[in-house]
Amino acid sequence: MFTGIITDIGAIESIEQRGDLRVRIATAYDTATVDLGASIACSGVCLTVIDKGPGWFTVDVSGETVSRSAQGQWREGRKLNLERAMKLGDELGGHIVTGHVDGVAEVASVAPSGDSRVVTFRVAADLAPFVAAKGSITVDGVSLTVNTIADGADGSEFTVNLIPHTQAVTTLGALAAGHSVNIEIDVLARYLQRMQTLAGK
């Protein structure tokens, strides 16, 4: 379980193709405090630490995960938003995030708004019902609030506001039109949809 509050920006140092991808990630975390088997969200994808050393940790990324995550995410040099799993008693500064990617969105546009930037994302029709104005959404592991949403025949576009702090401490400051990002919908919306489906039977 995570909160969507990023605590480090890591970078992929190396990738080894096995049955799965074995990915080594550079980090500023004190890895002496990271247990083998611990969960770390990597740009919104919950992964298990299988090896570690000073300034790095290694994870295995399955083919299923690669197929469901943003295009180009699993390549050497790629920067990743990192968050360690919550502990009981931690402050819930963002919202409840599971680290399970629901889909991929494309950046439609980025525009300045004072010191902030307004980013418009395009999502497919299957995710659109779970995105609501003033609701929570996770973009590449970052907890954000949806400003507006506009529905179309082939999907929807929603906007978020990135304040200077978010731009500085996450990878989202480098977003540009055409970039792909991982999306996780609010877990409450996921359960409400399931309840509604069963109630209609």
N, C-alpha and C. Protein backbone atom coordinates (compact mmCIF):
# COMPACT_ATOMS: atom_id res chain seq x y z
N MET A 1 0.84 -1.19 0.00
CA MET A 1 0.00 0.00 0.00
C MET A 1 0.89 1.25 0.00
N PHE A 2 0.46 2.25 -0.80
CA PHE A 2 1.24 3.47 -0.95
C PHE A 2 0.32 4.69 -0.82
N THR A 3 0.91 5.88 -0.89
CA THR A 3 0.12 7.10 -0.77
C THR A 3 0.21 8.00 -1.99
N GLY A 4 1.13 7.70 -2.91
CA GLY A 4 1.30 8.56 -4.07
C GLY A 4 2.16 9.77 -3.78
N ILE A 5 2.87 9.77 -2.65
CA ILE A 5 3.80 10.85 -2.32
C ILE A 5 5.21 10.35 -2.61
N ILE A 6 5.85 10.90 -3.62
CA ILE A 6 7.14 10.40 -4.10
C ILE A 6 8.26 10.84 -3.15
N THR A 7 9.15 9.90 -2.83
CA THR A 7 10.24 10.20 -1.89
C THR A 7 11.63 10.09 -2.51
N ASP A 8 11.69 9.69 -3.78
CA ASP A 8 12.98 9.66 -4.49
C ASP A 8 12.71 9.53 -5.97
N ILE A 9 13.63 10.06 -6.77
CA ILE A 9 13.63 9.79 -8.20
C ILE A 9 14.81 8.88 -8.49
N GLY A 10 14.51 7.65 -8.88
CA GLY A 10 15.55 6.69 -9.21
C GLY A 10 15.81 6.67 -10.71
N ALA A 11 16.75 5.86 -11.12
CA ALA A 11 17.06 5.71 -12.54
C ALA A 11 17.44 4.27 -12.82
N ILE A 12 16.99 3.74 -13.95
CA ILE A 12 17.31 2.37 -14.33
C ILE A 12 18.76 2.31 -14.79
N GLU A 13 19.57 1.54 -14.06
CA GLU A 13 20.99 1.40 -14.38
C GLU A 13 21.24 0.31 -15.42
N SER A 14 20.52 -0.79 -15.30
CA SER A 14 20.72 -1.89 -16.24
C SER A 14 19.48 -2.76 -16.29
N ILE A 15 19.33 -3.45 -17.43
CA ILE A 15 18.22 -4.38 -17.65
C ILE A 15 18.78 -5.67 -18.22
N GLU A 16 18.39 -6.77 -17.60
CA GLU A 16 18.81 -8.09 -18.08
C GLU A 16 17.57 -8.86 -18.50
N GLN A 17 17.56 -9.34 -19.73
CA GLN A 17 16.42 -10.10 -20.22
C GLN A 17 16.57 -11.56 -19.81
N ARG A 18 15.67 -12.00 -18.91
CA ARG A 18 15.61 -13.41 -18.52
C ARG A 18 14.23 -13.91 -18.93
N GLY A 19 13.63 -14.76 -18.11
CA GLY A 19 12.22 -15.06 -18.33
C GLY A 19 11.41 -13.79 -18.16
N ASP A 20 11.78 -13.01 -17.14
CA ASP A 20 11.25 -11.66 -16.92
C ASP A 20 12.40 -10.68 -17.12
N LEU A 21 12.11 -9.40 -17.02
CA LEU A 21 13.17 -8.40 -17.03
C LEU A 21 13.74 -8.27 -15.63
N ARG A 22 15.04 -8.34 -15.47
CA ARG A 22 15.68 -8.05 -14.19
C ARG A 22 16.24 -6.64 -14.29
N VAL A 23 15.72 -5.75 -13.46
CA VAL A 23 16.00 -4.32 -13.57
C VAL A 23 16.72 -3.83 -12.32
N ARG A 24 17.87 -3.20 -12.53
CA ARG A 24 18.62 -2.60 -11.42
C ARG A 24 18.37 -1.10 -11.43
N ILE A 25 17.97 -0.58 -10.26
CA ILE A 25 17.55 0.81 -10.15
C ILE A 25 18.43 1.54 -9.14
N ALA A 26 19.01 2.65 -9.57
CA ALA A 26 19.80 3.50 -8.67
C ALA A 26 18.85 4.33 -7.81
N THR A 27 19.20 4.50 -6.54
CA THR A 27 18.33 5.22 -5.61
C THR A 27 19.14 5.94 -4.55
N ALA A 28 18.55 6.98 -4.00
CA ALA A 28 19.14 7.68 -2.87
C ALA A 28 18.70 7.08 -1.54
N TYR A 29 17.79 6.09 -1.57
CA TYR A 29 17.36 5.43 -0.33
C TYR A 29 18.56 4.78 0.36
N ASP A 30 18.51 4.76 1.68
CA ASP A 30 19.47 3.97 2.44
C ASP A 30 19.02 2.51 2.32
N THR A 31 19.64 1.78 1.42
CA THR A 31 19.17 0.42 1.14
C THR A 31 19.43 -0.55 2.29
N ALA A 32 20.23 -0.13 3.27
CA ALA A 32 20.40 -0.97 4.46
C ALA A 32 19.08 -1.09 5.22
N THR A 33 18.18 -0.13 5.01
CA THR A 33 16.88 -0.15 5.69
C THR A 33 15.78 -0.77 4.82
N VAL A 34 16.15 -1.24 3.63
CA VAL A 34 15.19 -1.87 2.71
C VAL A 34 15.37 -3.39 2.79
N ASP A 35 14.34 -4.09 3.20
CA ASP A 35 14.42 -5.55 3.31
C ASP A 35 14.26 -6.20 1.94
N LEU A 36 14.95 -7.33 1.75
CA LEU A 36 14.65 -8.15 0.58
C LEU A 36 13.20 -8.61 0.69
N GLY A 37 12.47 -8.53 -0.40
CA GLY A 37 11.04 -8.85 -0.38
C GLY A 37 10.17 -7.65 -0.14
N ALA A 38 10.77 -6.50 0.16
CA ALA A 38 9.98 -5.28 0.38
C ALA A 38 9.38 -4.80 -0.94
N SER A 39 8.29 -4.05 -0.84
CA SER A 39 7.64 -3.49 -2.02
C SER A 39 8.05 -2.03 -2.20
N ILE A 40 8.39 -1.67 -3.43
CA ILE A 40 8.67 -0.28 -3.79
C ILE A 40 7.88 0.03 -5.05
N ALA A 41 7.14 1.13 -5.04
CA ALA A 41 6.41 1.56 -6.22
C ALA A 41 7.37 2.30 -7.14
N CYS A 42 7.45 1.85 -8.38
CA CYS A 42 8.36 2.42 -9.38
C CYS A 42 7.51 3.03 -10.49
N SER A 43 7.35 4.36 -10.43
CA SER A 43 6.45 5.08 -11.34
C SER A 43 5.06 4.45 -11.35
N GLY A 44 4.61 4.10 -10.15
CA GLY A 44 3.26 3.59 -9.98
C GLY A 44 3.11 2.10 -10.04
N VAL A 45 4.20 1.38 -10.30
CA VAL A 45 4.15 -0.09 -10.41
C VAL A 45 4.76 -0.69 -9.15
N CYS A 46 3.98 -1.46 -8.40
CA CYS A 46 4.47 -2.10 -7.19
C CYS A 46 5.37 -3.27 -7.57
N LEU A 47 6.64 -3.22 -7.15
CA LEU A 47 7.61 -4.26 -7.46
C LEU A 47 8.30 -4.74 -6.19
N THR A 48 8.83 -5.95 -6.24
CA THR A 48 9.46 -6.58 -5.07
C THR A 48 10.97 -6.53 -5.18
N VAL A 49 11.62 -6.07 -4.11
CA VAL A 49 13.08 -6.00 -4.08
C VAL A 49 13.64 -7.41 -3.93
N ILE A 50 14.48 -7.83 -4.91
CA ILE A 50 15.05 -9.18 -4.85
C ILE A 50 16.55 -9.17 -4.58
N ASP A 51 17.17 -8.00 -4.72
CA ASP A 51 18.60 -7.85 -4.43
C ASP A 51 18.85 -6.38 -4.18
N LYS A 52 19.95 -6.07 -3.52
CA LYS A 52 20.23 -4.67 -3.19
C LYS A 52 21.69 -4.50 -2.85
N GLY A 53 22.13 -3.27 -2.87
CA GLY A 53 23.47 -2.89 -2.44
C GLY A 53 23.45 -1.40 -2.17
N PRO A 54 24.56 -0.82 -1.74
CA PRO A 54 24.57 0.62 -1.46
C PRO A 54 24.21 1.43 -2.71
N GLY A 55 23.08 2.14 -2.63
CA GLY A 55 22.67 3.01 -3.72
C GLY A 55 21.93 2.35 -4.85
N TRP A 56 21.51 1.08 -4.68
CA TRP A 56 20.75 0.42 -5.74
C TRP A 56 19.91 -0.73 -5.19
N PHE A 57 18.89 -1.10 -5.95
CA PHE A 57 18.12 -2.31 -5.67
C PHE A 57 17.69 -2.92 -7.00
N THR A 58 17.33 -4.20 -6.96
CA THR A 58 16.96 -4.93 -8.17
C THR A 58 15.56 -5.50 -8.01
N VAL A 59 14.81 -5.48 -9.12
CA VAL A 59 13.46 -6.02 -9.16
C VAL A 59 13.30 -6.86 -10.43
N ASP A 60 12.35 -7.78 -10.40
CA ASP A 60 11.96 -8.51 -11.61
C ASP A 60 10.64 -7.91 -12.11
N VAL A 61 10.59 -7.66 -13.42
CA VAL A 61 9.39 -7.08 -14.04
C VAL A 61 8.85 -8.10 -15.04
N SER A 62 7.65 -8.60 -14.78
CA SER A 62 7.07 -9.65 -15.62
C SER A 62 6.62 -9.09 -16.96
N GLY A 63 6.43 -10.00 -17.91
CA GLY A 63 5.91 -9.60 -19.21
C GLY A 63 4.54 -8.95 -19.11
N GLU A 64 3.71 -9.43 -18.18
CA GLU A 64 2.39 -8.84 -17.95
C GLU A 64 2.53 -7.39 -17.52
N THR A 65 3.46 -7.13 -16.60
CA THR A 65 3.67 -5.76 -16.13
C THR A 65 4.18 -4.86 -17.25
N VAL A 66 5.12 -5.36 -18.02
CA VAL A 66 5.65 -4.57 -19.15
C VAL A 66 4.53 -4.22 -20.13
N SER A 67 3.65 -5.18 -20.41
CA SER A 67 2.59 -4.95 -21.39
C SER A 67 1.55 -3.95 -20.90
N ARG A 68 1.42 -3.79 -19.59
CA ARG A 68 0.39 -2.92 -19.04
C ARG A 68 0.93 -1.55 -18.60
N SER A 69 2.23 -1.34 -18.71
CA SER A 69 2.80 -0.07 -18.25
C SER A 69 3.20 0.81 -19.43
N ALA A 70 3.53 2.06 -19.12
CA ALA A 70 3.76 3.07 -20.15
C ALA A 70 4.87 2.66 -21.11
N GLN A 71 4.67 3.00 -22.37
CA GLN A 71 5.64 2.67 -23.41
C GLN A 71 6.98 3.32 -23.10
N GLY A 72 8.05 2.53 -23.19
CA GLY A 72 9.39 3.06 -22.97
C GLY A 72 9.82 3.15 -21.52
N GLN A 73 8.97 2.71 -20.60
CA GLN A 73 9.32 2.84 -19.18
C GLN A 73 10.50 1.95 -18.80
N TRP A 74 10.57 0.76 -19.38
CA TRP A 74 11.59 -0.21 -18.97
C TRP A 74 12.77 -0.17 -19.93
N ARG A 75 13.58 0.86 -19.78
CA ARG A 75 14.80 1.01 -20.59
C ARG A 75 15.88 1.68 -19.73
N GLU A 76 17.13 1.39 -20.06
CA GLU A 76 18.24 1.96 -19.30
C GLU A 76 18.22 3.48 -19.37
N GLY A 77 18.49 4.09 -18.21
CA GLY A 77 18.52 5.54 -18.11
C GLY A 77 17.19 6.18 -17.76
N ARG A 78 16.10 5.41 -17.84
CA ARG A 78 14.78 5.96 -17.56
C ARG A 78 14.67 6.35 -16.09
N LYS A 79 14.18 7.54 -15.81
CA LYS A 79 13.97 7.99 -14.44
C LYS A 79 12.62 7.49 -13.95
N LEU A 80 12.57 7.09 -12.67
CA LEU A 80 11.36 6.53 -12.09
C LEU A 80 11.01 7.23 -10.78
N ASN A 81 9.73 7.49 -10.59
CA ASN A 81 9.25 7.99 -9.30
C ASN A 81 9.21 6.82 -8.32
N LEU A 82 9.88 6.97 -7.18
CA LEU A 82 9.95 5.88 -6.21
C LEU A 82 9.20 6.24 -4.93
N GLU A 83 8.54 5.23 -4.39
CA GLU A 83 7.89 5.36 -3.08
C GLU A 83 7.96 4.03 -2.36
N ARG A 84 8.43 4.05 -1.14
CA ARG A 84 8.44 2.84 -0.32
C ARG A 84 7.05 2.61 0.26
N ALA A 85 6.75 1.35 0.59
CA ALA A 85 5.43 1.00 1.11
C ALA A 85 5.17 1.71 2.43
N MET A 86 3.90 2.00 2.67
CA MET A 86 3.49 2.64 3.92
C MET A 86 3.76 1.75 5.13
N LYS A 87 4.01 2.39 6.25
CA LYS A 87 4.05 1.70 7.54
C LYS A 87 2.87 2.19 8.36
N LEU A 88 2.38 1.35 9.27
CA LEU A 88 1.31 1.77 10.16
C LEU A 88 1.77 3.00 10.93
N GLY A 89 0.93 4.00 10.95
CA GLY A 89 1.26 5.24 11.65
C GLY A 89 1.80 6.32 10.75
N ASP A 90 2.14 5.97 9.46
CA ASP A 90 2.61 6.99 8.52
C ASP A 90 1.48 7.95 8.19
N GLU A 91 1.86 9.19 7.87
CA GLU A 91 0.88 10.17 7.43
C GLU A 91 0.40 9.82 6.03
N LEU A 92 -0.93 9.82 5.82
CA LEU A 92 -1.50 9.55 4.51
C LEU A 92 -1.65 10.89 3.79
N GLY A 93 -0.55 11.34 3.18
CA GLY A 93 -0.54 12.67 2.59
C GLY A 93 -1.21 12.75 1.24
N GLY A 94 -1.28 11.62 0.52
CA GLY A 94 -1.92 11.63 -0.79
C GLY A 94 -3.27 10.94 -0.71
N HIS A 95 -3.38 9.76 -1.32
CA HIS A 95 -4.57 8.93 -1.17
C HIS A 95 -4.13 7.47 -1.23
N ILE A 96 -5.05 6.55 -1.03
CA ILE A 96 -4.68 5.13 -1.00
C ILE A 96 -4.34 4.66 -2.41
N VAL A 97 -3.10 4.18 -2.57
CA VAL A 97 -2.60 3.73 -3.87
C VAL A 97 -2.12 2.29 -3.71
N THR A 98 -2.48 1.42 -4.64
CA THR A 98 -2.12 0.00 -4.52
C THR A 98 -0.86 -0.36 -5.30
N GLY A 99 -0.51 0.46 -6.30
CA GLY A 99 0.63 0.11 -7.14
C GLY A 99 0.26 -0.85 -8.26
N HIS A 100 -1.04 -0.95 -8.57
CA HIS A 100 -1.53 -1.79 -9.66
C HIS A 100 -2.02 -0.88 -10.78
N VAL A 101 -1.34 -0.89 -11.91
CA VAL A 101 -1.66 0.02 -13.00
C VAL A 101 -2.95 -0.43 -13.70
N ASP A 102 -3.88 0.51 -13.85
CA ASP A 102 -5.16 0.21 -14.51
C ASP A 102 -5.13 0.49 -16.00
N GLY A 103 -4.21 1.32 -16.44
CA GLY A 103 -4.13 1.65 -17.86
C GLY A 103 -3.05 2.67 -18.11
N VAL A 104 -2.94 3.05 -19.35
CA VAL A 104 -1.93 4.03 -19.79
C VAL A 104 -2.65 5.21 -20.40
N ALA A 105 -2.20 6.42 -20.08
CA ALA A 105 -2.73 7.65 -20.67
C ALA A 105 -1.65 8.32 -21.49
N GLU A 106 -2.08 9.16 -22.41
CA GLU A 106 -1.15 9.94 -23.23
C GLU A 106 -1.29 11.41 -22.89
N VAL A 107 -0.16 12.11 -22.80
CA VAL A 107 -0.20 13.55 -22.57
C VAL A 107 -0.66 14.23 -23.85
N ALA A 108 -1.79 14.94 -23.75
CA ALA A 108 -2.31 15.66 -24.91
C ALA A 108 -1.70 17.05 -25.03
N SER A 109 -1.48 17.71 -23.88
CA SER A 109 -0.89 19.05 -23.92
C SER A 109 -0.36 19.42 -22.55
N VAL A 110 0.57 20.37 -22.54
CA VAL A 110 1.11 20.94 -21.30
C VAL A 110 1.11 22.45 -21.48
N ALA A 111 0.52 23.17 -20.52
CA ALA A 111 0.42 24.63 -20.64
C ALA A 111 0.78 25.29 -19.32
N PRO A 112 1.50 26.43 -19.35
CA PRO A 112 1.82 27.13 -18.11
C PRO A 112 0.57 27.78 -17.52
N SER A 113 0.55 27.84 -16.19
CA SER A 113 -0.53 28.52 -15.47
C SER A 113 0.08 29.14 -14.23
N GLY A 114 0.53 30.38 -14.32
CA GLY A 114 1.31 30.98 -13.25
C GLY A 114 2.62 30.24 -13.13
N ASP A 115 2.98 29.85 -11.91
CA ASP A 115 4.19 29.05 -11.70
C ASP A 115 3.93 27.56 -11.91
N SER A 116 2.68 27.20 -12.06
CA SER A 116 2.30 25.80 -12.23
C SER A 116 2.19 25.45 -13.71
N ARG A 117 1.91 24.17 -13.97
CA ARG A 117 1.65 23.72 -15.33
C ARG A 117 0.36 22.90 -15.31
N VAL A 118 -0.48 23.12 -16.31
CA VAL A 118 -1.70 22.33 -16.47
C VAL A 118 -1.43 21.28 -17.53
N VAL A 119 -1.58 20.01 -17.15
CA VAL A 119 -1.33 18.90 -18.06
C VAL A 119 -2.66 18.23 -18.40
N THR A 120 -2.89 18.05 -19.68
CA THR A 120 -4.09 17.36 -20.16
C THR A 120 -3.70 15.96 -20.60
N PHE A 121 -4.40 14.97 -20.06
CA PHE A 121 -4.16 13.57 -20.39
C PHE A 121 -5.36 13.00 -21.14
N ARG A 122 -5.07 12.11 -22.08
CA ARG A 122 -6.12 11.42 -22.83
C ARG A 122 -6.18 9.97 -22.37
N VAL A 123 -7.37 9.51 -21.96
CA VAL A 123 -7.54 8.12 -21.51
C VAL A 123 -8.60 7.43 -22.36
N ALA A 124 -8.48 6.12 -22.47
CA ALA A 124 -9.43 5.33 -23.26
C ALA A 124 -10.79 5.27 -22.57
N ALA A 125 -11.80 4.87 -23.35
CA ALA A 125 -13.18 4.87 -22.86
C ALA A 125 -13.38 3.95 -21.66
N ASP A 126 -12.60 2.86 -21.55
CA ASP A 126 -12.82 1.94 -20.44
C ASP A 126 -12.40 2.52 -19.10
N LEU A 127 -11.48 3.49 -19.11
CA LEU A 127 -11.06 4.12 -17.85
C LEU A 127 -11.86 5.38 -17.52
N ALA A 128 -12.48 5.98 -18.54
CA ALA A 128 -13.16 7.26 -18.36
C ALA A 128 -14.19 7.29 -17.22
N PRO A 129 -14.99 6.23 -17.02
CA PRO A 129 -15.99 6.30 -15.95
C PRO A 129 -15.39 6.42 -14.54
N PHE A 130 -14.10 6.12 -14.40
CA PHE A 130 -13.47 6.13 -13.08
C PHE A 130 -12.73 7.44 -12.78
N VAL A 131 -12.80 8.39 -13.71
CA VAL A 131 -12.12 9.67 -13.54
C VAL A 131 -13.18 10.74 -13.29
N ALA A 132 -13.06 11.44 -12.17
CA ALA A 132 -14.06 12.43 -11.80
C ALA A 132 -13.39 13.73 -11.36
N ALA A 133 -14.00 14.85 -11.74
CA ALA A 133 -13.48 16.15 -11.33
C ALA A 133 -13.41 16.22 -9.81
N LYS A 134 -12.26 16.70 -9.32
CA LYS A 134 -11.95 16.82 -7.89
C LYS A 134 -11.71 15.47 -7.22
N GLY A 135 -11.69 14.40 -8.01
CA GLY A 135 -11.34 13.09 -7.48
C GLY A 135 -9.84 12.86 -7.53
N SER A 136 -9.40 11.78 -6.93
CA SER A 136 -7.97 11.43 -6.91
C SER A 136 -7.62 10.50 -8.06
N ILE A 137 -6.40 10.65 -8.56
CA ILE A 137 -5.88 9.77 -9.59
C ILE A 137 -4.37 9.67 -9.41
N THR A 138 -3.80 8.55 -9.79
CA THR A 138 -2.36 8.36 -9.68
C THR A 138 -1.75 8.35 -11.07
N VAL A 139 -0.79 9.24 -11.31
CA VAL A 139 -0.10 9.36 -12.60
C VAL A 139 1.37 9.06 -12.38
N ASP A 140 1.87 7.97 -12.98
CA ASP A 140 3.26 7.55 -12.76
C ASP A 140 3.62 7.52 -11.27
N GLY A 141 2.66 7.04 -10.47
CA GLY A 141 2.90 6.89 -9.04
C GLY A 141 2.64 8.12 -8.20
N VAL A 142 2.25 9.24 -8.82
CA VAL A 142 2.06 10.50 -8.11
C VAL A 142 0.58 10.73 -7.85
N SER A 143 0.23 10.97 -6.59
CA SER A 143 -1.15 11.27 -6.23
C SER A 143 -1.50 12.69 -6.68
N LEU A 144 -2.54 12.80 -7.50
CA LEU A 144 -2.96 14.09 -8.03
C LEU A 144 -4.47 14.23 -7.93
N THR A 145 -4.94 15.48 -8.03
CA THR A 145 -6.36 15.77 -8.05
C THR A 145 -6.77 16.16 -9.47
N VAL A 146 -7.85 15.54 -9.94
CA VAL A 146 -8.37 15.87 -11.27
C VAL A 146 -9.04 17.24 -11.22
N ASN A 147 -8.63 18.12 -12.13
CA ASN A 147 -9.27 19.44 -12.20
C ASN A 147 -10.57 19.38 -13.00
N THR A 148 -10.45 18.94 -14.26
CA THR A 148 -11.61 18.88 -15.15
C THR A 148 -11.56 17.59 -15.94
N ILE A 149 -12.72 17.19 -16.47
CA ILE A 149 -12.77 16.04 -17.37
C ILE A 149 -13.79 16.33 -18.45
N ALA A 150 -13.42 15.97 -19.69
CA ALA A 150 -14.31 16.14 -20.84
C ALA A 150 -14.40 14.81 -21.56
N ASP A 151 -15.63 14.32 -21.74
CA ASP A 151 -15.85 13.01 -22.35
C ASP A 151 -16.06 13.14 -23.85
N GLY A 152 -15.52 12.17 -24.58
CA GLY A 152 -15.71 12.12 -26.02
C GLY A 152 -16.10 10.71 -26.43
N ALA A 153 -16.33 10.53 -27.73
CA ALA A 153 -16.78 9.23 -28.22
C ALA A 153 -15.73 8.15 -28.05
N ASP A 154 -14.44 8.52 -28.15
CA ASP A 154 -13.36 7.53 -28.10
C ASP A 154 -12.60 7.52 -26.78
N GLY A 155 -13.09 8.28 -25.82
CA GLY A 155 -12.39 8.35 -24.53
C GLY A 155 -12.62 9.70 -23.90
N SER A 156 -11.75 10.06 -22.99
CA SER A 156 -11.91 11.32 -22.26
C SER A 156 -10.56 12.00 -22.10
N GLU A 157 -10.63 13.30 -21.85
CA GLU A 157 -9.44 14.06 -21.51
C GLU A 157 -9.66 14.68 -20.13
N PHE A 158 -8.64 14.56 -19.27
CA PHE A 158 -8.72 15.20 -17.97
C PHE A 158 -7.47 16.04 -17.73
N THR A 159 -7.61 17.03 -16.87
CA THR A 159 -6.49 17.92 -16.57
C THR A 159 -6.11 17.82 -15.11
N VAL A 160 -4.82 18.04 -14.85
CA VAL A 160 -4.31 18.16 -13.49
C VAL A 160 -3.41 19.39 -13.43
N ASN A 161 -3.21 19.90 -12.25
CA ASN A 161 -2.33 21.04 -12.04
C ASN A 161 -1.07 20.55 -11.33
N LEU A 162 0.10 20.86 -11.91
CA LEU A 162 1.37 20.50 -11.29
C LEU A 162 2.00 21.74 -10.69
N ILE A 163 2.03 21.81 -9.36
CA ILE A 163 2.68 22.95 -8.70
C ILE A 163 4.19 22.80 -8.83
N PRO A 164 4.95 23.88 -8.62
CA PRO A 164 6.41 23.80 -8.78
C PRO A 164 7.05 22.69 -7.96
N HIS A 165 6.56 22.45 -6.74
CA HIS A 165 7.14 21.40 -5.90
C HIS A 165 7.01 20.04 -6.57
N THR A 166 5.82 19.73 -7.08
CA THR A 166 5.60 18.44 -7.75
C THR A 166 6.48 18.31 -8.98
N GLN A 167 6.64 19.39 -9.72
CA GLN A 167 7.52 19.36 -10.89
C GLN A 167 8.96 19.07 -10.49
N ALA A 168 9.37 19.58 -9.32
CA ALA A 168 10.77 19.46 -8.90
C ALA A 168 11.10 18.10 -8.32
N VAL A 169 10.15 17.47 -7.61
CA VAL A 169 10.48 16.25 -6.86
C VAL A 169 9.94 14.98 -7.51
N THR A 170 9.36 15.08 -8.71
CA THR A 170 8.89 13.92 -9.45
C THR A 170 9.35 14.05 -10.90
N THR A 171 9.11 13.00 -11.67
CA THR A 171 9.45 13.04 -13.09
C THR A 171 8.42 13.81 -13.91
N LEU A 172 7.30 14.21 -13.30
CA LEU A 172 6.23 14.83 -14.06
C LEU A 172 6.60 16.21 -14.60
N GLY A 173 7.61 16.83 -14.02
CA GLY A 173 8.06 18.12 -14.52
C GLY A 173 8.59 18.05 -15.94
N ALA A 174 8.96 16.85 -16.40
CA ALA A 174 9.53 16.68 -17.75
C ALA A 174 8.48 16.23 -18.76
N LEU A 175 7.21 16.15 -18.37
CA LEU A 175 6.18 15.67 -19.29
C LEU A 175 6.02 16.61 -20.48
N ALA A 176 5.76 16.01 -21.64
CA ALA A 176 5.48 16.78 -22.85
C ALA A 176 4.44 16.02 -23.66
N ALA A 177 3.80 16.71 -24.58
CA ALA A 177 2.77 16.09 -25.42
C ALA A 177 3.32 14.84 -26.09
N GLY A 178 2.53 13.78 -26.05
CA GLY A 178 2.91 12.51 -26.65
C GLY A 178 3.50 11.51 -25.69
N HIS A 179 3.90 11.95 -24.48
CA HIS A 179 4.44 11.03 -23.49
C HIS A 179 3.34 10.10 -22.98
N SER A 180 3.72 8.87 -22.65
CA SER A 180 2.81 7.91 -22.03
C SER A 180 3.07 7.83 -20.54
N VAL A 181 2.01 7.66 -19.76
CA VAL A 181 2.13 7.57 -18.30
C VAL A 181 1.25 6.45 -17.79
N ASN A 182 1.64 5.90 -16.63
CA ASN A 182 0.85 4.89 -15.96
C ASN A 182 -0.28 5.55 -15.17
N ILE A 183 -1.46 4.97 -15.24
CA ILE A 183 -2.63 5.49 -14.53
C ILE A 183 -3.16 4.43 -13.57
N GLU A 184 -3.39 4.84 -12.33
CA GLU A 184 -4.14 4.00 -11.38
C GLU A 184 -5.34 4.80 -10.90
N ILE A 185 -6.52 4.24 -11.10
CA ILE A 185 -7.73 4.92 -10.65
C ILE A 185 -7.86 4.80 -9.13
N ASP A 186 -8.70 5.63 -8.58
CA ASP A 186 -8.97 5.59 -7.13
C ASP A 186 -9.53 4.22 -6.77
N VAL A 187 -8.95 3.58 -5.78
CA VAL A 187 -9.38 2.23 -5.39
C VAL A 187 -10.85 2.21 -4.98
N LEU A 188 -11.36 3.30 -4.42
CA LEU A 188 -12.77 3.35 -4.04
C LEU A 188 -13.67 3.29 -5.28
N ALA A 189 -13.24 3.95 -6.36
CA ALA A 189 -14.02 3.91 -7.60
C ALA A 189 -14.05 2.49 -8.16
N ARG A 190 -12.96 1.78 -8.03
CA ARG A 190 -12.88 0.40 -8.53
C ARG A 190 -13.90 -0.49 -7.80
N TYR A 191 -13.98 -0.36 -6.48
CA TYR A 191 -14.91 -1.18 -5.72
C TYR A 191 -16.36 -0.77 -5.95
N LEU A 192 -16.60 0.54 -6.09
CA LEU A 192 -17.97 1.00 -6.36
C LEU A 192 -18.47 0.47 -7.69
N GLN A 193 -17.59 0.43 -8.70
CA GLN A 193 -17.99 -0.10 -10.00
C GLN A 193 -18.33 -1.58 -9.89
N ARG A 194 -17.54 -2.33 -9.14
CA ARG A 194 -17.80 -3.75 -8.95
C ARG A 194 -19.13 -3.99 -8.23
N MET A 195 -19.40 -3.18 -7.20
CA MET A 195 -20.66 -3.30 -6.47
C MET A 195 -21.85 -2.98 -7.38
N GLN A 196 -21.69 -1.95 -8.21
CA GLN A 196 -22.76 -1.56 -9.12
C GLN A 196 -23.03 -2.66 -10.15
N THR A 197 -21.96 -3.28 -10.65
CA THR A 197 -22.13 -4.36 -11.62
C THR A 197 -22.89 -5.53 -11.02
N LEU A 198 -22.53 -5.92 -9.79
CA LEU A 198 -23.21 -7.04 -9.14
C LEU A 198 -24.64 -6.70 -8.78
N ALA A 199 -24.90 -5.45 -8.39
CA ALA A 199 -26.25 -5.05 -8.03
C ALA A 199 -27.19 -5.08 -9.22
N GLY A 200 -26.60 -4.93 -10.43
CA GLY A 200 -27.43 -4.90 -11.63
C GLY A 200 -27.78 -6.27 -12.17
N LYS A 201 -27.23 -7.33 -11.56
CA LYS A 201 -27.48 -8.69 -12.05
C LYS A 201 -28.86 -9.19 -11.58
